[in-house]
Amino acid sequence: MPEQSCRRCGATLEPGVLICPQCRLLVHGDEVEFLRHSALSREEQEDRSGAEQLWQQALSLVPPGSPHEVWIRRHIAELKQAPATGAAKPAAQSKWTKRLGPLAPLALVLAKAKTLFFALFKLKFLFSFVAFFGFYWALFGAWFGIGFAVMILLHEMGHYVEVRRRGLPAEMPVFLPGLGAYVKWQALGVTEEVRAMISLAGPAAGTVAALVAYGLFLYNGHPLWAALAHTGAWLNLLNLIPVWVLDGEGAARPLDRLGCFSLLLFCGVLFWWTSQPVLLLVMAGLGWQIYKKHLPLEGSLRVQLYFASVLAVLGWLMHATPIVQ
């Protein structure tokens, strides 16, 4: 059997191993991702038996005891316990349609919207957001507090929407007053490029929010919008530093040394143009990535260009927006 190596760090893999012992990458991550998509497609078609078979195949490709295995087993159990759908449902709907008469279409829309409503406004999300807003209201006043909280919400929703768009399980954001916010989601063996796209989706959404605030400042000249635009740009740029916990770390994972070095030079040009010190921190983080032991042999140009685009817009926005005292 030919010797196998990890596609991310190049480490030699023993026959039958399911996860790289050095960088912890799933060896069969692409196959797991394909099986996941196929299983979810079967579930949408109400083919539970076919979906369960695909999930069982995925189980054989993930390490025992890993978060991937735990999630898949729990999902299979939920699939088995879910009530069957079929002929009884239309009959029940027909019964209520006759009773409600012309109001039936509206009732049907509201019934379907109920699940979405409660999914979006779970108490943990709602209470934490209110507490988050209240914290910044007490510090900076009501208008800046609500504007800042909404900008952070849009940043986190960028992550959430991107995760859900890819068919992965995710929870609504949880806010930590004075610290930030996070979205809890299950990776299920996705590639490092997909992880990077999800990591960059938050700063990208935050960039759009800051651009809207800057546009409103240009429109009416109110200093509140300038303060929100500058603060939003600064926080999203800070979040792109490729170190643990921040989005920049996930975004830099699929970059090889050449990709990191190219971004480092690009940040240097942005710093020369904008004189924004936070870019030096991004450069330092990229320098750390260059000297790490485990980097992919072949980087993702797509992620590199996405990363550079968000950096460029945020750098320009900080340079263009006046600092309000």
C-alpha atoms as a PDB file:
ATOM      1  CA  MET A   1       0.000   0.000   0.000  1.00  0.00           C
ATOM      2  CA  PRO A   2       1.485   3.406  -0.969  1.00  0.00           C
ATOM      3  CA  GLU A   3       2.400   5.765   1.843  1.00  0.00           C
ATOM      4  CA  GLN A   4      -0.326   8.347   2.566  1.00  0.00           C
ATOM      5  CA  SER A   5       0.313  11.897   3.762  1.00  0.00           C
ATOM      6  CA  CYS A   6      -1.908  14.604   5.235  1.00  0.00           C
ATOM      7  CA  ARG A   7      -3.097  17.067   2.605  1.00  0.00           C
ATOM      8  CA  ARG A   8      -2.768  19.976   5.046  1.00  0.00           C
ATOM      9  CA  CYS A   9       0.534  19.519   6.885  1.00  0.00           C
ATOM     10  CA  GLY A  10       2.159  16.725   4.848  1.00  0.00           C
ATOM     11  CA  ALA A  11       2.616  14.416   7.842  1.00  0.00           C
ATOM     12  CA  THR A  12       2.877  10.675   7.102  1.00  0.00           C
ATOM     13  CA  LEU A  13      -0.335   8.801   7.961  1.00  0.00           C
ATOM     14  CA  GLU A  14      -0.472   5.222   9.168  1.00  0.00           C
ATOM     15  CA  PRO A  15      -2.813   2.861   7.266  1.00  0.00           C
ATOM     16  CA  GLY A  16      -6.352   3.051   8.597  1.00  0.00           C
ATOM     17  CA  VAL A  17      -5.872   6.263  10.571  1.00  0.00           C
ATOM     18  CA  LEU A  18      -8.918   8.572  10.501  1.00  0.00           C
ATOM     19  CA  ILE A  19      -7.398  11.824  11.746  1.00  0.00           C
ATOM     20  CA  CYS A  20      -3.961  13.396  11.264  1.00  0.00           C
ATOM     21  CA  PRO A  21      -1.990  13.036  14.520  1.00  0.00           C
ATOM     22  CA  GLN A  22      -0.279  16.405  13.982  1.00  0.00           C
ATOM     23  CA  CYS A  23      -2.802  18.924  12.623  1.00  0.00           C
ATOM     24  CA  ARG A  24      -5.986  16.949  13.587  1.00  0.00           C
ATOM     25  CA  LEU A  25      -7.477  17.143  10.089  1.00  0.00           C
ATOM     26  CA  LEU A  26     -10.023  14.452   9.189  1.00  0.00           C
ATOM     27  CA  VAL A  27      -8.367  12.138   6.673  1.00  0.00           C
ATOM     28  CA  HIS A  28     -11.683  11.441   4.931  1.00  0.00           C
ATOM     29  CA  GLY A  29     -13.129  14.924   5.420  1.00  0.00           C
ATOM     30  CA  ASP A  30     -14.175  15.303   1.778  1.00  0.00           C
ATOM     31  CA  GLU A  31     -16.014  11.967   1.803  1.00  0.00           C
ATOM     32  CA  VAL A  32     -17.779  12.874   5.065  1.00  0.00           C
ATOM     33  CA  GLU A  33     -18.861  16.186   3.564  1.00  0.00           C
ATOM     34  CA  PHE A  34     -20.218  14.443   0.455  1.00  0.00           C
ATOM     35  CA  LEU A  35     -22.111  11.885   2.551  1.00  0.00           C
ATOM     36  CA  ARG A  36     -23.534  14.669   4.744  1.00  0.00           C
ATOM     37  CA  HIS A  37     -24.898  16.562   1.745  1.00  0.00           C
ATOM     38  CA  SER A  38     -26.339  13.354   0.284  1.00  0.00           C
ATOM     39  CA  ALA A  39     -27.963  12.346   3.588  1.00  0.00           C
ATOM     40  CA  LEU A  40     -29.559  15.772   4.090  1.00  0.00           C
ATOM     41  CA  SER A  41     -30.869  15.614   0.536  1.00  0.00           C
ATOM     42  CA  ARG A  42     -32.444  12.205   1.290  1.00  0.00           C
ATOM     43  CA  GLU A  43     -34.018  13.655   4.442  1.00  0.00           C
ATOM     44  CA  GLU A  44     -35.608  16.451   2.425  1.00  0.00           C
ATOM     45  CA  GLN A  45     -37.075  13.783   0.158  1.00  0.00           C
ATOM     46  CA  GLU A  46     -38.357  11.954   3.292  1.00  0.00           C
ATOM     47  CA  ASP A  47     -36.194   8.925   2.490  1.00  0.00           C
ATOM     48  CA  ARG A  48     -35.196   8.210   6.080  1.00  0.00           C
ATOM     49  CA  SER A  49     -33.853   4.752   5.398  1.00  0.00           C
ATOM     50  CA  GLY A  50     -31.516   6.006   2.679  1.00  0.00           C
ATOM     51  CA  ALA A  51     -30.426   8.959   4.821  1.00  0.00           C
ATOM     52  CA  GLU A  52     -29.653   6.700   7.786  1.00  0.00           C
ATOM     53  CA  GLN A  53     -27.512   4.422   5.606  1.00  0.00           C
ATOM     54  CA  LEU A  54     -25.474   7.424   4.431  1.00  0.00           C
ATOM     55  CA  TRP A  55     -25.027   8.697   8.013  1.00  0.00           C
ATOM     56  CA  GLN A  56     -23.853   5.205   9.024  1.00  0.00           C
ATOM     57  CA  GLN A  57     -21.266   5.322   6.237  1.00  0.00           C
ATOM     58  CA  ALA A  58     -20.103   8.692   7.503  1.00  0.00           C
ATOM     59  CA  LEU A  59     -19.746   7.213  11.016  1.00  0.00           C
ATOM     60  CA  SER A  60     -17.163   4.744   9.731  1.00  0.00           C
ATOM     61  CA  LEU A  61     -15.002   7.631   8.471  1.00  0.00           C
ATOM     62  CA  VAL A  62     -14.807   9.703  11.679  1.00  0.00           C
ATOM     63  CA  PRO A  63     -12.768   8.871  14.815  1.00  0.00           C
ATOM     64  CA  PRO A  64     -14.654   7.108  17.648  1.00  0.00           C
ATOM     65  CA  GLY A  65     -15.470   9.503  20.477  1.00  0.00           C
ATOM     66  CA  SER A  66     -14.903  12.602  18.334  1.00  0.00           C
ATOM     67  CA  PRO A  67     -17.442  15.483  18.237  1.00  0.00           C
ATOM     68  CA  HIS A  68     -18.259  14.410  14.682  1.00  0.00           C
ATOM     69  CA  GLU A  69     -19.261  10.924  15.822  1.00  0.00           C
ATOM     70  CA  VAL A  70     -21.295  12.277  18.740  1.00  0.00           C
ATOM     71  CA  TRP A  71     -23.251  14.647  16.491  1.00  0.00           C
ATOM     72  CA  ILE A  72     -23.906  12.037  13.787  1.00  0.00           C
ATOM     73  CA  ARG A  73     -25.124   9.450  16.311  1.00  0.00           C
ATOM     74  CA  ARG A  74     -27.411  12.017  17.933  1.00  0.00           C
ATOM     75  CA  HIS A  75     -28.769  13.028  14.535  1.00  0.00           C
ATOM     76  CA  ILE A  76     -29.462   9.401  13.609  1.00  0.00           C
ATOM     77  CA  ALA A  77     -31.341   8.955  16.888  1.00  0.00           C
ATOM     78  CA  GLU A  78     -33.408  12.086  16.209  1.00  0.00           C
ATOM     79  CA  LEU A  79     -34.125  10.812  12.709  1.00  0.00           C
ATOM     80  CA  LYS A  80     -35.481   7.538  14.095  1.00  0.00           C
ATOM     81  CA  GLN A  81     -37.618   9.254  16.748  1.00  0.00           C
ATOM     82  CA  ALA A  82     -39.109  11.924  14.464  1.00  0.00           C
ATOM     83  CA  PRO A  83     -42.812  11.387  13.697  1.00  0.00           C
ATOM     84  CA  ALA A  84     -43.600   9.969  10.291  1.00  0.00           C
ATOM     85  CA  THR A  85     -44.929  12.313   7.642  1.00  0.00           C
ATOM     86  CA  GLY A  86     -47.334  11.371   4.917  1.00  0.00           C
ATOM     87  CA  ALA A  87     -51.027  11.023   4.263  1.00  0.00           C
ATOM     88  CA  ALA A  88     -52.263  11.994   7.743  1.00  0.00           C
ATOM     89  CA  LYS A  89     -50.831  15.486   7.500  1.00  0.00           C
ATOM     90  CA  PRO A  90     -52.732  16.590   4.373  1.00  0.00           C
ATOM     91  CA  ALA A  91     -55.945  15.160   5.857  1.00  0.00           C
ATOM     92  CA  ALA A  92     -55.531  17.213   9.006  1.00  0.00           C
ATOM     93  CA  GLN A  93     -54.765  20.314   6.975  1.00  0.00           C
ATOM     94  CA  SER A  94     -57.883  19.699   4.867  1.00  0.00           C
ATOM     95  CA  LYS A  95     -59.998  19.501   8.034  1.00  0.00           C
ATOM     96  CA  TRP A  96     -58.753  22.856   9.304  1.00  0.00           C
ATOM     97  CA  THR A  97     -59.035  24.388   5.821  1.00  0.00           C
ATOM     98  CA  LYS A  98     -62.772  23.696   5.832  1.00  0.00           C
ATOM     99  CA  ARG A  99     -63.210  25.161   9.313  1.00  0.00           C
ATOM    100  CA  LEU A 100     -61.258  28.360   8.706  1.00  0.00           C
ATOM    101  CA  GLY A 101     -62.598  29.052   5.237  1.00  0.00           C
ATOM    102  CA  PRO A 102     -60.980  32.152   3.642  1.00  0.00           C
ATOM    103  CA  LEU A 103     -58.623  32.566   6.622  1.00  0.00           C
ATOM    104  CA  ALA A 104     -57.036  29.159   5.981  1.00  0.00           C
ATOM    105  CA  PRO A 105     -54.125  30.423   3.825  1.00  0.00           C
ATOM    106  CA  LEU A 106     -53.159  32.984   6.476  1.00  0.00           C
ATOM    107  CA  ALA A 107     -53.369  30.387   9.248  1.00  0.00           C
ATOM    108  CA  LEU A 108     -51.185  28.021   7.242  1.00  0.00           C
ATOM    109  CA  VAL A 109     -48.524  30.698   6.721  1.00  0.00           C
ATOM    110  CA  LEU A 110     -48.547  31.567  10.427  1.00  0.00           C
ATOM    111  CA  ALA A 111     -48.268  27.903  11.412  1.00  0.00           C
ATOM    112  CA  LYS A 112     -45.239  27.429   9.192  1.00  0.00           C
ATOM    113  CA  ALA A 113     -43.694  30.699  10.381  1.00  0.00           C
ATOM    114  CA  LYS A 114     -44.045  29.657  14.036  1.00  0.00           C
ATOM    115  CA  THR A 115     -41.118  27.235  13.875  1.00  0.00           C
ATOM    116  CA  LEU A 116     -38.889  29.836  12.240  1.00  0.00           C
ATOM    117  CA  PHE A 117     -39.933  32.495  14.744  1.00  0.00           C
ATOM    118  CA  PHE A 118     -39.026  30.438  17.779  1.00  0.00           C
ATOM    119  CA  ALA A 119     -35.811  29.239  16.130  1.00  0.00           C
ATOM    120  CA  LEU A 120     -34.716  32.831  15.569  1.00  0.00           C
ATOM    121  CA  PHE A 121     -35.741  34.211  18.924  1.00  0.00           C
ATOM    122  CA  LYS A 122     -34.696  31.602  21.417  1.00  0.00           C
ATOM    123  CA  LEU A 123     -34.480  33.044  24.879  1.00  0.00           C
ATOM    124  CA  LYS A 124     -30.725  32.590  25.146  1.00  0.00           C
ATOM    125  CA  PHE A 125     -30.197  34.682  22.035  1.00  0.00           C
ATOM    126  CA  LEU A 126     -32.777  37.326  22.952  1.00  0.00           C
ATOM    127  CA  PHE A 127     -31.758  37.800  26.586  1.00  0.00           C
ATOM    128  CA  SER A 128     -28.053  37.918  25.799  1.00  0.00           C
ATOM    129  CA  PHE A 129     -28.656  40.501  23.054  1.00  0.00           C
ATOM    130  CA  VAL A 130     -30.705  42.716  25.378  1.00  0.00           C
ATOM    131  CA  ALA A 131     -27.989  42.471  28.054  1.00  0.00           C
ATOM    132  CA  PHE A 132     -25.344  43.265  25.444  1.00  0.00           C
ATOM    133  CA  PHE A 133     -27.251  46.332  24.276  1.00  0.00           C
ATOM    134  CA  GLY A 134     -27.851  47.465  27.875  1.00  0.00           C
ATOM    135  CA  PHE A 135     -24.150  47.216  28.694  1.00  0.00           C
ATOM    136  CA  TYR A 136     -23.120  49.552  25.869  1.00  0.00           C
ATOM    137  CA  TRP A 137     -26.114  51.825  26.455  1.00  0.00           C
ATOM    138  CA  ALA A 138     -24.864  52.387  30.002  1.00  0.00           C
ATOM    139  CA  LEU A 139     -21.360  53.169  28.731  1.00  0.00           C
ATOM    140  CA  PHE A 140     -22.014  55.249  25.606  1.00  0.00           C
ATOM    141  CA  GLY A 141     -25.702  56.153  25.525  1.00  0.00           C
ATOM    142  CA  ALA A 142     -28.774  54.600  23.941  1.00  0.00           C
ATOM    143  CA  TRP A 143     -28.215  55.463  20.288  1.00  0.00           C
ATOM    144  CA  PHE A 144     -24.606  54.341  20.086  1.00  0.00           C
ATOM    145  CA  GLY A 145     -25.440  51.308  22.234  1.00  0.00           C
ATOM    146  CA  ILE A 146     -28.186  50.047  19.931  1.00  0.00           C
ATOM    147  CA  GLY A 147     -26.170  50.867  16.800  1.00  0.00           C
ATOM    148  CA  PHE A 148     -23.113  49.028  18.109  1.00  0.00           C
ATOM    149  CA  ALA A 149     -25.179  46.018  19.240  1.00  0.00           C
ATOM    150  CA  VAL A 150     -26.864  45.778  15.827  1.00  0.00           C
ATOM    151  CA  MET A 151     -23.481  45.906  14.059  1.00  0.00           C
ATOM    152  CA  ILE A 152     -22.181  43.042  16.195  1.00  0.00           C
ATOM    153  CA  LEU A 153     -25.423  41.152  15.539  1.00  0.00           C
ATOM    154  CA  LEU A 154     -24.924  41.572  11.770  1.00  0.00           C
ATOM    155  CA  HIS A 155     -21.343  40.325  12.085  1.00  0.00           C
ATOM    156  CA  GLU A 156     -22.476  37.186  13.898  1.00  0.00           C
ATOM    157  CA  MET A 157     -25.395  36.660  11.523  1.00  0.00           C
ATOM    158  CA  GLY A 158     -22.842  36.642   8.711  1.00  0.00           C
ATOM    159  CA  HIS A 159     -21.346  33.520  10.298  1.00  0.00           C
ATOM    160  CA  TYR A 160     -24.759  32.015  11.041  1.00  0.00           C
ATOM    161  CA  VAL A 161     -26.169  32.509   7.544  1.00  0.00           C
ATOM    162  CA  GLU A 162     -23.030  31.128   5.907  1.00  0.00           C
ATOM    163  CA  VAL A 163     -23.095  28.026   8.130  1.00  0.00           C
ATOM    164  CA  ARG A 164     -26.785  27.401   7.472  1.00  0.00           C
ATOM    165  CA  ARG A 165     -26.375  28.086   3.756  1.00  0.00           C
ATOM    166  CA  ARG A 166     -23.960  25.172   3.624  1.00  0.00           C
ATOM    167  CA  GLY A 167     -26.464  22.865   5.325  1.00  0.00           C
ATOM    168  CA  LEU A 168     -24.589  22.670   8.640  1.00  0.00           C
ATOM    169  CA  PRO A 169     -26.230  22.808  12.078  1.00  0.00           C
ATOM    170  CA  ALA A 170     -25.807  26.108  13.926  1.00  0.00           C
ATOM    171  CA  GLU A 171     -27.321  27.977  16.861  1.00  0.00           C
ATOM    172  CA  MET A 172     -28.310  31.633  16.942  1.00  0.00           C
ATOM    173  CA  PRO A 173     -25.620  34.004  18.285  1.00  0.00           C
ATOM    174  CA  VAL A 174     -24.963  34.334  22.008  1.00  0.00           C
ATOM    175  CA  PHE A 175     -23.744  37.749  23.237  1.00  0.00           C
ATOM    176  CA  LEU A 176     -21.301  38.320  26.076  1.00  0.00           C
ATOM    177  CA  PRO A 177     -21.496  41.921  27.345  1.00  0.00           C
ATOM    178  CA  GLY A 178     -18.073  43.558  27.299  1.00  0.00           C
ATOM    179  CA  LEU A 179     -16.478  40.600  25.479  1.00  0.00           C
ATOM    180  CA  GLY A 180     -18.237  39.992  22.173  1.00  0.00           C
ATOM    181  CA  ALA A 181     -20.419  37.233  20.727  1.00  0.00           C
ATOM    182  CA  TYR A 182     -20.167  33.815  19.130  1.00  0.00           C
ATOM    183  CA  VAL A 183     -22.101  31.361  16.962  1.00  0.00           C
ATOM    184  CA  LYS A 184     -21.975  27.697  17.956  1.00  0.00           C
ATOM    185  CA  TRP A 185     -21.952  25.337  14.973  1.00  0.00           C
ATOM    186  CA  GLN A 186     -20.933  21.806  14.008  1.00  0.00           C
ATOM    187  CA  ALA A 187     -18.137  21.433  11.438  1.00  0.00           C
ATOM    188  CA  LEU A 188     -18.826  17.762  10.592  1.00  0.00           C
ATOM    189  CA  GLY A 189     -15.503  17.283   8.836  1.00  0.00           C
ATOM    190  CA  VAL A 190     -15.754  20.240   6.434  1.00  0.00           C
ATOM    191  CA  THR A 191     -12.615  21.312   4.599  1.00  0.00           C
ATOM    192  CA  GLU A 192     -10.358  24.065   5.867  1.00  0.00           C
ATOM    193  CA  GLU A 193     -11.416  26.229   2.926  1.00  0.00           C
ATOM    194  CA  VAL A 194     -15.066  25.987   3.989  1.00  0.00           C
ATOM    195  CA  ARG A 195     -14.109  26.828   7.581  1.00  0.00           C
ATOM    196  CA  ALA A 196     -12.211  29.858   6.288  1.00  0.00           C
ATOM    197  CA  MET A 197     -15.178  31.050   4.224  1.00  0.00           C
ATOM    198  CA  ILE A 198     -17.386  30.788   7.323  1.00  0.00           C
ATOM    199  CA  SER A 199     -14.794  32.648   9.406  1.00  0.00           C
ATOM    200  CA  LEU A 200     -14.578  35.461   6.836  1.00  0.00           C
ATOM    201  CA  ALA A 201     -18.359  35.740   6.461  1.00  0.00           C
ATOM    202  CA  GLY A 202     -18.628  37.501   9.840  1.00  0.00           C
ATOM    203  CA  PRO A 203     -16.093  40.286   9.110  1.00  0.00           C
ATOM    204  CA  ALA A 204     -17.537  40.609   5.596  1.00  0.00           C
ATOM    205  CA  ALA A 205     -21.041  41.202   7.001  1.00  0.00           C
ATOM    206  CA  GLY A 206     -19.565  43.564   9.591  1.00  0.00           C
ATOM    207  CA  THR A 207     -17.824  45.444   6.784  1.00  0.00           C
ATOM    208  CA  VAL A 208     -21.142  45.920   4.972  1.00  0.00           C
ATOM    209  CA  ALA A 209     -22.700  47.238   8.203  1.00  0.00           C
ATOM    210  CA  ALA A 210     -19.834  49.699   8.684  1.00  0.00           C
ATOM    211  CA  LEU A 211     -20.144  50.841   5.053  1.00  0.00           C
ATOM    212  CA  VAL A 212     -23.867  51.516   5.575  1.00  0.00           C
ATOM    213  CA  ALA A 213     -23.042  53.600   8.666  1.00  0.00           C
ATOM    214  CA  TYR A 214     -20.409  55.505   6.667  1.00  0.00           C
ATOM    215  CA  GLY A 215     -22.921  56.128   3.874  1.00  0.00           C
ATOM    216  CA  LEU A 216     -25.420  57.530   6.392  1.00  0.00           C
ATOM    217  CA  PHE A 217     -22.683  59.792   7.761  1.00  0.00           C
ATOM    218  CA  LEU A 218     -21.991  61.131   4.270  1.00  0.00           C
ATOM    219  CA  TYR A 219     -25.729  61.656   3.784  1.00  0.00           C
ATOM    220  CA  ASN A 220     -26.582  63.577   6.946  1.00  0.00           C
ATOM    221  CA  GLY A 221     -23.216  64.366   8.556  1.00  0.00           C
ATOM    222  CA  HIS A 222     -24.295  63.139  11.996  1.00  0.00           C
ATOM    223  CA  PRO A 223     -21.228  62.175  14.082  1.00  0.00           C
ATOM    224  CA  LEU A 224     -23.025  59.102  15.479  1.00  0.00           C
ATOM    225  CA  TRP A 225     -22.757  57.358  12.096  1.00  0.00           C
ATOM    226  CA  ALA A 226     -19.088  58.253  11.788  1.00  0.00           C
ATOM    227  CA  ALA A 227     -18.427  56.811  15.245  1.00  0.00           C
ATOM    228  CA  LEU A 228     -20.286  53.597  14.407  1.00  0.00           C
ATOM    229  CA  ALA A 229     -18.553  53.244  11.020  1.00  0.00           C
ATOM    230  CA  HIS A 230     -15.066  53.753  12.478  1.00  0.00           C
ATOM    231  CA  THR A 231     -15.672  51.528  15.500  1.00  0.00           C
ATOM    232  CA  GLY A 232     -17.221  48.787  13.361  1.00  0.00           C
ATOM    233  CA  ALA A 233     -14.339  48.866  10.885  1.00  0.00           C
ATOM    234  CA  TRP A 234     -11.769  48.778  13.691  1.00  0.00           C
ATOM    235  CA  LEU A 235     -13.408  45.812  15.462  1.00  0.00           C
ATOM    236  CA  ASN A 236     -13.787  43.770  12.281  1.00  0.00           C
ATOM    237  CA  LEU A 237     -10.206  44.494  11.290  1.00  0.00           C
ATOM    238  CA  LEU A 238      -9.030  43.523  14.779  1.00  0.00           C
ATOM    239  CA  ASN A 239     -11.011  40.294  14.433  1.00  0.00           C
ATOM    240  CA  LEU A 240      -8.996  39.400  11.323  1.00  0.00           C
ATOM    241  CA  ILE A 241      -5.754  39.011  13.299  1.00  0.00           C
ATOM    242  CA  PRO A 242      -4.885  35.334  12.691  1.00  0.00           C
ATOM    243  CA  VAL A 243      -4.567  34.221  16.311  1.00  0.00           C
ATOM    244  CA  TRP A 244      -6.599  31.816  18.436  1.00  0.00           C
ATOM    245  CA  VAL A 245     -10.294  32.693  19.046  1.00  0.00           C
ATOM    246  CA  LEU A 246     -10.423  35.449  16.400  1.00  0.00           C
ATOM    247  CA  ASP A 247     -11.877  34.901  12.925  1.00  0.00           C
ATOM    248  CA  GLY A 248      -8.522  35.591  11.311  1.00  0.00           C
ATOM    249  CA  GLU A 249      -7.150  32.319  12.675  1.00  0.00           C
ATOM    250  CA  GLY A 250      -9.805  30.266  10.913  1.00  0.00           C
ATOM    251  CA  ALA A 251      -9.442  32.346   7.760  1.00  0.00           C
ATOM    252  CA  ALA A 252      -5.679  31.737   7.612  1.00  0.00           C
ATOM    253  CA  ARG A 253      -5.838  27.946   8.012  1.00  0.00           C
ATOM    254  CA  PRO A 254      -6.026  27.049   4.302  1.00  0.00           C
ATOM    255  CA  LEU A 255      -3.231  29.497   3.375  1.00  0.00           C
ATOM    256  CA  ASP A 256       0.235  28.189   2.611  1.00  0.00           C
ATOM    257  CA  ARG A 257       3.413  30.119   3.438  1.00  0.00           C
ATOM    258  CA  LEU A 258       3.365  31.993   0.143  1.00  0.00           C
ATOM    259  CA  GLY A 259      -0.255  33.003   0.708  1.00  0.00           C
ATOM    260  CA  CYS A 260       0.451  34.246   4.234  1.00  0.00           C
ATOM    261  CA  PHE A 261       3.550  36.117   3.062  1.00  0.00           C
ATOM    262  CA  SER A 262       1.588  37.755   0.221  1.00  0.00           C
ATOM    263  CA  LEU A 263      -1.112  38.911   2.662  1.00  0.00           C
ATOM    264  CA  LEU A 264       1.564  40.178   5.038  1.00  0.00           C
ATOM    265  CA  LEU A 265       3.058  42.338   2.274  1.00  0.00           C
ATOM    266  CA  PHE A 266      -0.430  43.506   1.295  1.00  0.00           C
ATOM    267  CA  CYS A 267      -1.100  44.583   4.880  1.00  0.00           C
ATOM    268  CA  GLY A 268       2.210  46.443   4.829  1.00  0.00           C
ATOM    269  CA  VAL A 269       1.054  48.427   1.787  1.00  0.00           C
ATOM    270  CA  LEU A 270      -2.303  49.115   3.486  1.00  0.00           C
ATOM    271  CA  PHE A 271      -0.510  50.333   6.601  1.00  0.00           C
ATOM    272  CA  TRP A 272       1.718  52.621   4.529  1.00  0.00           C
ATOM    273  CA  TRP A 273      -1.410  54.054   2.890  1.00  0.00           C
ATOM    274  CA  THR A 274      -3.761  54.259   5.897  1.00  0.00           C
ATOM    275  CA  SER A 275      -1.396  54.482   8.929  1.00  0.00           C
ATOM    276  CA  GLN A 276      -3.775  52.257  10.920  1.00  0.00           C
ATOM    277  CA  PRO A 277      -1.812  50.491  13.730  1.00  0.00           C
ATOM    278  CA  VAL A 278      -4.208  47.528  13.872  1.00  0.00           C
ATOM    279  CA  LEU A 279      -2.825  46.424  10.501  1.00  0.00           C
ATOM    280  CA  LEU A 280       0.525  45.873  12.211  1.00  0.00           C
ATOM    281  CA  LEU A 281      -1.180  43.356  14.506  1.00  0.00           C
ATOM    282  CA  VAL A 282      -2.626  41.549  11.485  1.00  0.00           C
ATOM    283  CA  MET A 283       0.884  41.498   9.979  1.00  0.00           C
ATOM    284  CA  ALA A 284       2.300  40.079  13.213  1.00  0.00           C
ATOM    285  CA  GLY A 285      -0.336  37.335  13.208  1.00  0.00           C
ATOM    286  CA  LEU A 286       0.444  36.451   9.602  1.00  0.00           C
ATOM    287  CA  GLY A 287       4.139  36.351  10.469  1.00  0.00           C
ATOM    288  CA  TRP A 288       3.345  33.866  13.214  1.00  0.00           C
ATOM    289  CA  GLN A 289       1.396  31.743  10.742  1.00  0.00           C
ATOM    290  CA  ILE A 290       4.389  31.701   8.364  1.00  0.00           C
ATOM    291  CA  TYR A 291       6.656  30.231  11.030  1.00  0.00           C
ATOM    292  CA  LYS A 292       4.196  27.660  12.338  1.00  0.00           C
ATOM    293  CA  LYS A 293       5.132  24.030  11.787  1.00  0.00           C
ATOM    294  CA  HIS A 294       1.877  22.882  10.165  1.00  0.00           C
ATOM    295  CA  LEU A 295       0.765  24.733   7.058  1.00  0.00           C
ATOM    296  CA  PRO A 296      -0.860  23.229   3.959  1.00  0.00           C
ATOM    297  CA  LEU A 297       1.424  22.396   1.062  1.00  0.00           C
ATOM    298  CA  GLU A 298      -0.990  24.059  -1.349  1.00  0.00           C
ATOM    299  CA  GLY A 299      -2.953  27.122  -0.277  1.00  0.00           C
ATOM    300  CA  SER A 300      -6.394  28.384  -1.278  1.00  0.00           C
ATOM    301  CA  LEU A 301      -6.179  31.356  -3.656  1.00  0.00           C
ATOM    302  CA  ARG A 302      -9.920  31.891  -3.261  1.00  0.00           C
ATOM    303  CA  VAL A 303      -9.610  32.416   0.496  1.00  0.00           C
ATOM    304  CA  GLN A 304      -6.507  34.571   0.043  1.00  0.00           C
ATOM    305  CA  LEU A 305      -8.337  36.962  -2.309  1.00  0.00           C
ATOM    306  CA  TYR A 306     -11.418  37.055  -0.048  1.00  0.00           C
ATOM    307  CA  PHE A 307      -9.229  37.804   2.975  1.00  0.00           C
ATOM    308  CA  ALA A 308      -7.358  40.561   1.101  1.00  0.00           C
ATOM    309  CA  SER A 309     -10.608  42.150  -0.144  1.00  0.00           C
ATOM    310  CA  VAL A 310     -12.085  42.435   3.353  1.00  0.00           C
ATOM    311  CA  LEU A 311      -8.796  43.828   4.686  1.00  0.00           C
ATOM    312  CA  ALA A 312      -8.653  46.422   1.906  1.00  0.00           C
ATOM    313  CA  VAL A 313     -12.201  47.698   2.443  1.00  0.00           C
ATOM    314  CA  LEU A 314     -11.809  47.869   6.216  1.00  0.00           C
ATOM    315  CA  GLY A 315      -8.441  49.641   5.924  1.00  0.00           C
ATOM    316  CA  TRP A 316      -9.905  52.188   3.515  1.00  0.00           C
ATOM    317  CA  LEU A 317     -12.970  52.687   5.718  1.00  0.00           C
ATOM    318  CA  MET A 318     -10.870  53.416   8.812  1.00  0.00           C
ATOM    319  CA  HIS A 319      -8.754  55.830   6.778  1.00  0.00           C
ATOM    320  CA  ALA A 320     -11.796  57.613   5.299  1.00  0.00           C
ATOM    321  CA  THR A 321     -13.943  57.866   8.441  1.00  0.00           C
ATOM    322  CA  PRO A 322     -13.143  60.693  10.856  1.00  0.00           C
ATOM    323  CA  ILE A 323     -12.596  59.830  14.496  1.00  0.00           C
ATOM    324  CA  VAL A 324     -15.347  61.439  16.570  1.00  0.00           C
ATOM    325  CA  GLN A 325     -14.279  62.665  19.991  1.00  0.00           C
END
